[in-house]
C-alpha cells in the first residue's frame, strides 16, 4: 500500500471539506423526536418545501427508488443524483448484510435537500436545525432525519473550526475530508457518501435515533463508507490517507488511549484541526480493524448499543459496554497498534 500524506492545513471550502452529522439538538424532546420519526417522507418533504419557499429557495421534489430529492437543479440532474444515491445505498445494505450485520432497508424514502449555494445551505441550517453551517458542505441531522448538501463549486469562506457548539446544546461534528473531488452532479462524493452512511445507519437498524453513541462507532462507520468514485463505494477497503494519518499520529504519540477514546461521545469543543483530523482517522482505524478482525464482537456491540435505554450514557457505561463485547482494552490496544504498524509498513 502506497500512502502519501498531503500538507496538513486547516480545511477550507476550497480544500478537502468537512462532512457533518448533527448528533444532538436544541429543544428536541423525546416527544418531538417521536413525532419526527412518525412523519411520512412525503409530509416531511412538503414541510421542507414550505420552509425553503419562505427562505426564498423554492425546491422541487424528485423521487427515486429510495429517496425524495428536494432540489434546486433541473430534473435530469436530480434524476442522476437519485440514481447515484440508490446505487450507493444498495451497496451499503448489501455490504453490511453480507457481513452478517442486522441491517434492513429503510421503510420509506429518505429525504435529501440539494441546495444551489452555500448561502442557501446556511439559511436552511439556521431555520431547520438552529445551527451555524457556514463552514459545512453538507450535514445529516438526527432531528429532521434529512441530509442537506450544497451542489456546485467550492466556496470562499474558511472553516470556522473543527467543532461548533451551538446554544442549547446542539453539537455539530466535522469530519475532515481527505482527497475528495466533486462528483459529476456537483456534489462532493466523499462528503455525500459520509453523510449518506449516517442516514442509512440510523434508518436501517444499525443505529437508533434517540440514542447517544460512542464517537468511534458513529464516525468510524461513516468514514469507512466514504468514497471518491461511485465504483469505490463499499466496506472493507483500506483508506491510505486515513491509515497514513493514523500511523503518523501514533508515531508522534498523539493518539488517544483506547481507554479514553472508546468512552468519548464527541470531540471536546474547540478541538484543534489536527486533533480533529486524527480523531476521525482513529475512528476510521478502530472500526476498520474491528470489522475485519472482530466482526462477531462488533455485531454484538452494535446490538448492545441499540438496545440501551434512551439517554446520555456516561463514560463508565460506554467503557463497560465496550469491554463486555471486546474484552480487556489493553490487549485490544496492542492488536490495534499492530494493525496500524502493518498498514504503515506496507507504504
Protein backbone atom coordinates (compact mmCIF):
# COMPACT_ATOMS: atom_id res chain seq x y z
CA UNK A 1 0.00 0.00 0.00
CA UNK A 2 1.41 3.37 -1.01
CA UNK A 3 0.43 6.24 1.27
CA UNK A 4 1.08 9.89 0.61
CA UNK A 5 0.13 12.42 3.23
CA UNK A 6 -0.68 15.88 1.83
CA UNK A 7 0.37 19.03 3.57
CA UNK A 8 -1.68 19.32 6.76
CA UNK A 9 -3.59 22.57 6.63
CA UNK A 10 -6.78 23.80 8.23
CA UNK A 11 -9.58 22.72 5.89
CA UNK A 12 -11.29 25.38 3.80
CA UNK A 13 -14.19 25.08 1.44
CA UNK A 14 -11.81 25.28 -1.49
CA UNK A 15 -9.81 22.41 0.06
CA UNK A 16 -10.96 18.93 1.15
CA UNK A 17 -14.05 19.55 3.18
CA UNK A 18 -15.86 18.76 6.37
CA UNK A 19 -18.66 16.21 6.41
CA UNK A 20 -21.05 16.70 9.26
CA UNK A 21 -23.52 14.89 11.47
CA UNK A 22 -25.68 16.75 13.98
CA UNK A 23 -25.69 14.43 16.97
CA UNK A 24 -27.88 16.46 19.30
CA UNK A 25 -30.09 19.48 19.03
CA UNK A 26 -31.61 22.35 20.95
CA UNK A 27 -35.07 21.85 22.33
CA UNK A 28 -35.65 18.43 20.77
CA UNK A 29 -37.55 16.35 23.29
CA UNK A 30 -38.24 12.60 23.03
CA UNK A 31 -41.80 13.53 22.10
CA UNK A 32 -40.71 15.79 19.23
CA UNK A 33 -38.30 13.12 18.03
CA UNK A 34 -41.11 10.58 18.07
CA UNK A 35 -43.22 12.94 16.01
CA UNK A 36 -40.37 13.33 13.51
CA UNK A 37 -39.95 9.56 13.33
CA UNK A 38 -43.66 9.11 12.59
CA UNK A 39 -43.74 11.68 9.78
CA UNK A 40 -44.07 10.25 6.29
CA UNK A 41 -41.38 11.21 3.76
CA UNK A 42 -43.99 12.98 1.63
CA UNK A 43 -45.23 15.04 4.60
CA UNK A 44 -41.67 15.87 5.57
CA UNK A 45 -40.82 16.87 2.00
CA UNK A 46 -43.87 19.15 1.91
CA UNK A 47 -42.80 20.84 5.18
CA UNK A 48 -39.29 21.25 3.83
CA UNK A 49 -40.64 22.73 0.60
CA UNK A 50 -42.60 25.28 2.59
CA UNK A 51 -39.55 26.13 4.71
CA UNK A 52 -37.30 26.65 1.72
CA UNK A 53 -40.01 28.66 -0.06
CA UNK A 54 -40.13 31.05 2.92
CA UNK A 55 -36.35 31.31 2.72
CA UNK A 56 -36.57 32.27 -0.94
CA UNK A 57 -35.18 28.89 -2.03
CA UNK A 58 -38.05 27.10 -3.78
CA UNK A 59 -37.22 23.46 -4.41
CA UNK A 60 -38.94 20.80 -6.48
CA UNK A 61 -39.40 17.20 -5.34
CA UNK A 62 -37.86 14.43 -7.44
CA UNK A 63 -38.46 10.82 -6.30
CA UNK A 64 -36.01 7.99 -6.85
CA UNK A 65 -36.27 4.37 -5.82
CA UNK A 66 -35.24 5.07 -2.21
CA UNK A 67 -35.10 8.86 -1.89
CA UNK A 68 -37.06 12.06 -2.21
CA UNK A 69 -34.73 14.76 -3.50
CA UNK A 70 -35.70 18.37 -2.94
CA UNK A 71 -33.50 20.03 -5.49
CA UNK A 72 -32.82 23.46 -6.90
CA UNK A 73 -31.37 21.81 -10.00
CA UNK A 74 -33.02 20.59 -13.17
CA UNK A 75 -34.94 17.32 -13.43
CA UNK A 76 -32.20 15.47 -15.33
CA UNK A 77 -29.53 16.34 -12.77
CA UNK A 78 -31.84 15.39 -9.90
CA UNK A 79 -32.61 12.06 -11.57
CA UNK A 80 -28.92 11.22 -11.93
CA UNK A 81 -28.28 12.20 -8.33
CA UNK A 82 -31.13 9.97 -7.18
CA UNK A 83 -29.73 7.07 -9.19
CA UNK A 84 -26.33 7.59 -7.57
CA UNK A 85 -27.82 7.63 -4.06
CA UNK A 86 -29.85 4.50 -4.84
CA UNK A 87 -26.72 2.72 -6.07
CA UNK A 88 -24.67 3.70 -3.02
CA UNK A 89 -27.43 2.78 -0.57
CA UNK A 90 -27.75 -0.69 -2.16
CA UNK A 91 -24.02 -1.21 -1.69
CA UNK A 92 -24.30 -0.06 1.93
CA UNK A 93 -27.12 -2.51 2.65
CA UNK A 94 -25.58 -5.40 0.72
CA UNK A 95 -22.14 -4.88 2.28
CA UNK A 96 -23.39 -5.00 5.86
CA UNK A 97 -25.89 -7.79 5.14
CA UNK A 98 -23.22 -9.97 3.54
CA UNK A 99 -21.00 -9.39 6.58
CA UNK A 100 -23.81 -10.65 8.83
CA UNK A 101 -24.86 -7.35 10.36
CA UNK A 102 -28.56 -6.82 11.22
CA UNK A 103 -29.32 -4.17 8.62
CA UNK A 104 -32.59 -3.58 6.77
CA UNK A 105 -33.70 -1.23 4.04
CA UNK A 106 -35.48 1.92 5.28
CA UNK A 107 -39.25 1.51 5.40
CA UNK A 108 -39.87 4.74 3.49
CA UNK A 109 -38.00 7.08 1.22
CA UNK A 110 -35.24 9.20 2.74
CA UNK A 111 -35.16 12.95 2.19
CA UNK A 112 -32.22 14.85 0.71
CA UNK A 113 -32.18 18.64 0.32
CA UNK A 114 -29.89 19.70 -2.54
CA UNK A 115 -29.27 23.45 -2.42
CA UNK A 116 -27.58 25.60 -5.01
CA UNK A 117 -25.31 27.79 -2.90
CA UNK A 118 -23.53 27.96 0.43
CA UNK A 119 -25.71 30.91 1.39
CA UNK A 120 -28.79 28.76 0.82
CA UNK A 121 -27.32 25.96 2.94
CA UNK A 122 -26.53 28.41 5.74
CA UNK A 123 -30.08 29.81 5.76
CA UNK A 124 -31.55 26.31 5.70
CA UNK A 125 -29.31 25.14 8.57
CA UNK A 126 -30.33 28.04 10.77
CA UNK A 127 -34.04 27.57 10.14
CA UNK A 128 -34.30 23.77 10.01
CA UNK A 129 -31.88 22.88 12.80
CA UNK A 130 -30.83 26.08 14.54
CA UNK A 131 -27.18 25.54 13.68
CA UNK A 132 -24.46 27.61 12.10
CA UNK A 133 -23.36 25.77 8.97
CA UNK A 134 -21.23 28.39 7.27
CA UNK A 135 -18.23 26.03 7.45
CA UNK A 136 -20.09 23.00 6.10
CA UNK A 137 -20.66 21.47 2.68
CA UNK A 138 -23.28 19.02 3.95
CA UNK A 139 -24.82 17.62 7.10
CA UNK A 140 -27.11 14.85 8.26
CA UNK A 141 -29.46 15.90 11.04
CA UNK A 142 -30.87 13.44 13.53
CA UNK A 143 -33.54 15.99 14.37
CA UNK A 144 -35.04 16.16 10.87
CA UNK A 145 -33.62 12.88 9.51
CA UNK A 146 -32.58 14.75 6.36
CA UNK A 147 -29.29 15.27 4.59
CA UNK A 148 -28.77 18.82 3.34
CA UNK A 149 -25.99 19.38 0.83
CA UNK A 150 -24.76 22.20 -1.35
CA UNK A 151 -24.37 21.47 -5.03
CA UNK A 152 -21.80 23.38 -7.03
CA UNK A 153 -18.23 24.64 -6.97
CA UNK A 154 -16.07 25.46 -3.97
CA UNK A 155 -16.97 28.34 -1.70
CA UNK A 156 -14.73 31.03 -0.38
CA UNK A 157 -15.20 31.03 3.39
CA UNK A 158 -12.70 29.19 5.57
CA UNK A 159 -13.83 26.58 8.04
CA UNK A 160 -14.56 28.27 11.33
CA UNK A 161 -13.26 25.44 13.46
CA UNK A 162 -13.18 21.73 13.99
CA UNK A 163 -16.17 21.59 16.32
CA UNK A 164 -19.01 24.06 16.63
CA UNK A 165 -21.14 24.16 19.76
CA UNK A 166 -24.48 25.92 19.42
CA UNK A 167 -26.69 27.42 22.13
CA UNK A 168 -28.93 24.90 23.81
CA UNK A 169 -26.54 22.01 23.42
CA UNK A 170 -26.63 21.45 19.68
CA UNK A 171 -23.34 19.95 18.63
CA UNK A 172 -22.04 19.78 15.08
CA UNK A 173 -19.22 17.36 14.43
CA UNK A 174 -16.98 17.83 11.41
CA UNK A 175 -15.22 15.01 9.62
CA UNK A 176 -12.32 16.42 7.61
CA UNK A 177 -12.37 15.11 4.06
CA UNK A 178 -9.16 13.81 2.58
CA UNK A 179 -8.78 13.72 -1.19
CA UNK A 180 -12.36 14.18 -2.34
CA UNK A 181 -13.27 15.76 -5.65
CA UNK A 182 -16.66 16.99 -6.86
CA UNK A 183 -18.87 14.34 -8.42
CA UNK A 184 -20.33 14.90 -11.83
CA UNK A 185 -23.56 16.23 -10.37
CA UNK A 186 -21.77 18.99 -8.47
CA UNK A 187 -21.66 17.03 -5.20
CA UNK A 188 -18.52 16.21 -3.29
CA UNK A 189 -18.83 12.43 -3.37
CA UNK A 190 -16.70 11.79 -0.30
CA UNK A 191 -18.89 14.12 1.75
CA UNK A 192 -22.10 12.76 0.26
CA UNK A 193 -21.22 9.13 0.99
CA UNK A 194 -20.17 10.01 4.55
CA UNK A 195 -23.47 11.75 5.27
CA UNK A 196 -25.47 9.08 3.47
CA UNK A 197 -23.81 6.43 5.65
CA UNK A 198 -25.02 8.26 8.75
CA UNK A 199 -28.55 8.47 7.37
CA UNK A 200 -28.63 4.81 6.32
CA UNK A 201 -27.18 3.60 9.63
CA UNK A 202 -29.83 5.46 11.62
CA UNK A 203 -32.64 4.27 9.34
CA UNK A 204 -31.54 0.70 8.69
CA UNK A 205 -31.27 -0.81 12.16
CA UNK A 206 -27.55 -0.44 12.74
CA UNK A 207 -28.11 2.60 14.96
CA UNK A 208 -31.20 4.12 16.57
CA UNK A 209 -32.20 7.75 16.62
CA UNK A 210 -32.78 8.96 20.16
CA UNK A 211 -29.71 7.15 21.50
CA UNK A 212 -26.22 8.53 22.08
CA UNK A 213 -23.37 6.50 20.62
CA UNK A 214 -19.64 6.48 21.09
CA UNK A 215 -17.83 8.78 18.68
CA UNK A 216 -15.63 5.99 17.31
CA UNK A 217 -18.65 3.92 16.27
CA UNK A 218 -20.73 6.64 14.59
CA UNK A 219 -17.85 8.34 12.80
CA UNK A 220 -15.87 5.17 12.23
CA UNK A 221 -18.79 3.62 10.40
CA UNK A 222 -19.28 6.72 8.22
CA UNK A 223 -15.60 7.23 7.41
CA UNK A 224 -15.33 3.59 6.36
CA UNK A 225 -18.03 4.18 3.77
CA UNK A 226 -16.58 7.31 2.21
CA UNK A 227 -15.73 7.05 -1.48
CA UNK A 228 -14.11 9.24 -4.10
CA UNK A 229 -15.75 7.49 -7.06
CA UNK A 230 -19.06 5.68 -7.44
CA UNK A 231 -17.15 2.46 -8.17
CA UNK A 232 -15.10 2.88 -4.99
CA UNK A 233 -18.04 2.64 -2.59
CA UNK A 234 -18.02 -0.30 -0.20
CA UNK A 235 -16.91 -1.70 3.12
CA UNK A 236 -13.64 -3.38 3.99
CA UNK A 237 -11.46 -1.17 1.77
CA UNK A 238 -8.29 0.44 3.02
CA UNK A 239 -8.14 4.23 3.01
CA UNK A 240 -4.47 5.14 2.51
CA UNK A 241 -4.79 8.72 3.73
CA UNK A 242 -6.62 7.81 6.93
CA UNK A 243 -4.16 4.95 7.54
CA UNK A 244 -1.15 7.20 6.96
CA UNK A 245 -2.58 9.91 9.23
CA UNK A 246 -3.24 7.28 11.88
CA UNK A 247 0.32 5.93 11.69
CA UNK A 248 1.77 9.43 11.84
CA UNK A 249 -0.27 10.30 14.94
CA UNK A 250 0.73 7.06 16.65
CA UNK A 251 4.41 7.61 15.89
CA UNK A 252 4.17 11.11 17.37
CA UNK A 253 2.39 9.84 20.49
CA UNK A 254 -0.77 11.82 19.73
CA UNK A 255 -3.33 9.00 19.57
CA UNK A 256 -5.86 8.97 22.38
CA UNK A 257 -5.58 5.92 24.66
CA UNK A 258 -8.38 3.47 23.84
CA UNK A 259 -9.47 3.59 27.47
CA UNK A 260 -10.44 7.20 26.83
CA UNK A 261 -11.32 7.00 23.15
CA UNK A 262 -13.96 4.26 23.38
CA UNK A 263 -15.89 6.23 26.03
CA UNK A 264 -15.95 9.53 24.11
CA UNK A 265 -19.23 10.69 22.55
CA UNK A 266 -17.94 13.90 20.98
CA UNK A 267 -14.78 15.86 20.43
CA UNK A 268 -14.00 18.48 23.05
CA UNK A 269 -15.31 21.92 21.99
CA UNK A 270 -12.67 23.94 20.20
CA UNK A 271 -10.52 20.93 19.31
CA UNK A 272 -7.61 21.96 17.04
CA UNK A 273 -7.91 20.99 13.39
CA UNK A 274 -5.06 18.48 13.61
CA UNK A 275 -6.58 16.77 16.67
CA UNK A 276 -9.93 16.58 14.89
CA UNK A 277 -8.44 15.02 11.75
CA UNK A 278 -6.52 12.49 13.83
CA UNK A 279 -9.60 11.61 15.92
CA UNK A 280 -11.50 10.82 12.72
CA UNK A 281 -8.56 8.77 11.47
CA UNK A 282 -8.53 6.87 14.77
CA UNK A 283 -12.30 6.27 14.49
CA UNK A 284 -11.82 5.04 10.90
CA UNK A 285 -9.00 2.75 12.01
CA UNK A 286 -10.73 1.26 15.05
CA UNK A 287 -13.93 0.48 13.13
CA UNK A 288 -11.95 -0.92 10.18
CA UNK A 289 -9.82 -3.09 12.48
CA UNK A 290 -12.84 -4.46 14.37
CA UNK A 291 -14.87 -5.00 11.19
CA UNK A 292 -12.01 -7.04 9.71
CA UNK A 293 -10.70 -8.83 12.81
CA UNK A 294 -13.54 -8.90 15.36
CA UNK A 295 -16.76 -8.88 13.29
CA UNK A 296 -18.77 -11.06 15.69
CA UNK A 297 -17.87 -8.84 18.62
CA UNK A 298 -18.61 -5.71 16.59
CA UNK A 299 -22.07 -7.08 15.78
CA UNK A 300 -22.62 -7.72 19.49
CA UNK A 301 -21.51 -4.21 20.34
CA UNK A 302 -23.90 -2.67 17.81
CA UNK A 303 -26.77 -4.75 19.19
CA UNK A 304 -25.94 -3.88 22.79
CA UNK A 305 -25.74 -0.19 21.90
CA UNK A 306 -29.08 -0.26 20.06
CA UNK A 307 -30.77 -1.98 22.99
CA UNK A 308 -29.58 0.58 25.54
CA UNK A 309 -32.21 2.80 27.18
CA UNK A 310 -32.60 6.35 25.85
CA UNK A 311 -30.46 9.00 27.44
CA UNK A 312 -26.86 10.05 27.66
CA UNK A 313 -24.63 7.12 28.69
CA UNK A 314 -21.74 8.07 30.90
CA UNK A 315 -18.12 7.25 30.18
CA UNK A 316 -18.24 4.40 32.67
CA UNK A 317 -21.18 2.76 30.88
CA UNK A 318 -19.65 3.18 27.42
CA UNK A 319 -16.38 1.69 28.63
CA UNK A 320 -18.20 -1.20 30.32
CA UNK A 321 -20.19 -1.90 27.15
CA UNK A 322 -17.01 -1.93 25.07
CA UNK A 323 -15.17 -4.28 27.44
CA UNK A 324 -18.15 -6.64 27.70
CA UNK A 325 -18.08 -7.13 23.92
CA UNK A 326 -14.38 -6.85 23.02
CA UNK A 327 -12.58 -7.88 26.19
CA UNK A 328 -9.77 -6.19 28.07
CA UNK A 329 -8.84 -2.88 26.48
CA UNK A 330 -5.09 -3.18 26.97
CA UNK A 331 -4.84 -6.39 24.94
CA UNK A 332 -7.03 -4.96 22.19
CA UNK A 333 -4.92 -1.80 22.09
CA UNK A 334 -1.84 -3.91 21.37
CA UNK A 335 -3.63 -5.63 18.47
CA UNK A 336 -4.81 -2.28 17.16
CA UNK A 337 -1.24 -0.98 17.32
CA UNK A 338 -0.07 -3.89 15.17
CA UNK A 339 -2.85 -3.15 12.68
CA UNK A 340 -1.62 0.44 12.42
CA UNK A 341 2.00 -0.66 12.07
CA UNK A 342 1.19 -3.22 9.38
CA UNK A 343 -0.50 -0.53 7.30
CA UNK A 344 2.44 1.84 7.76
CA UNK A 345 4.93 -0.89 6.80
CA UNK A 346 3.02 -1.51 3.57
CA UNK A 347 3.65 2.04 2.34
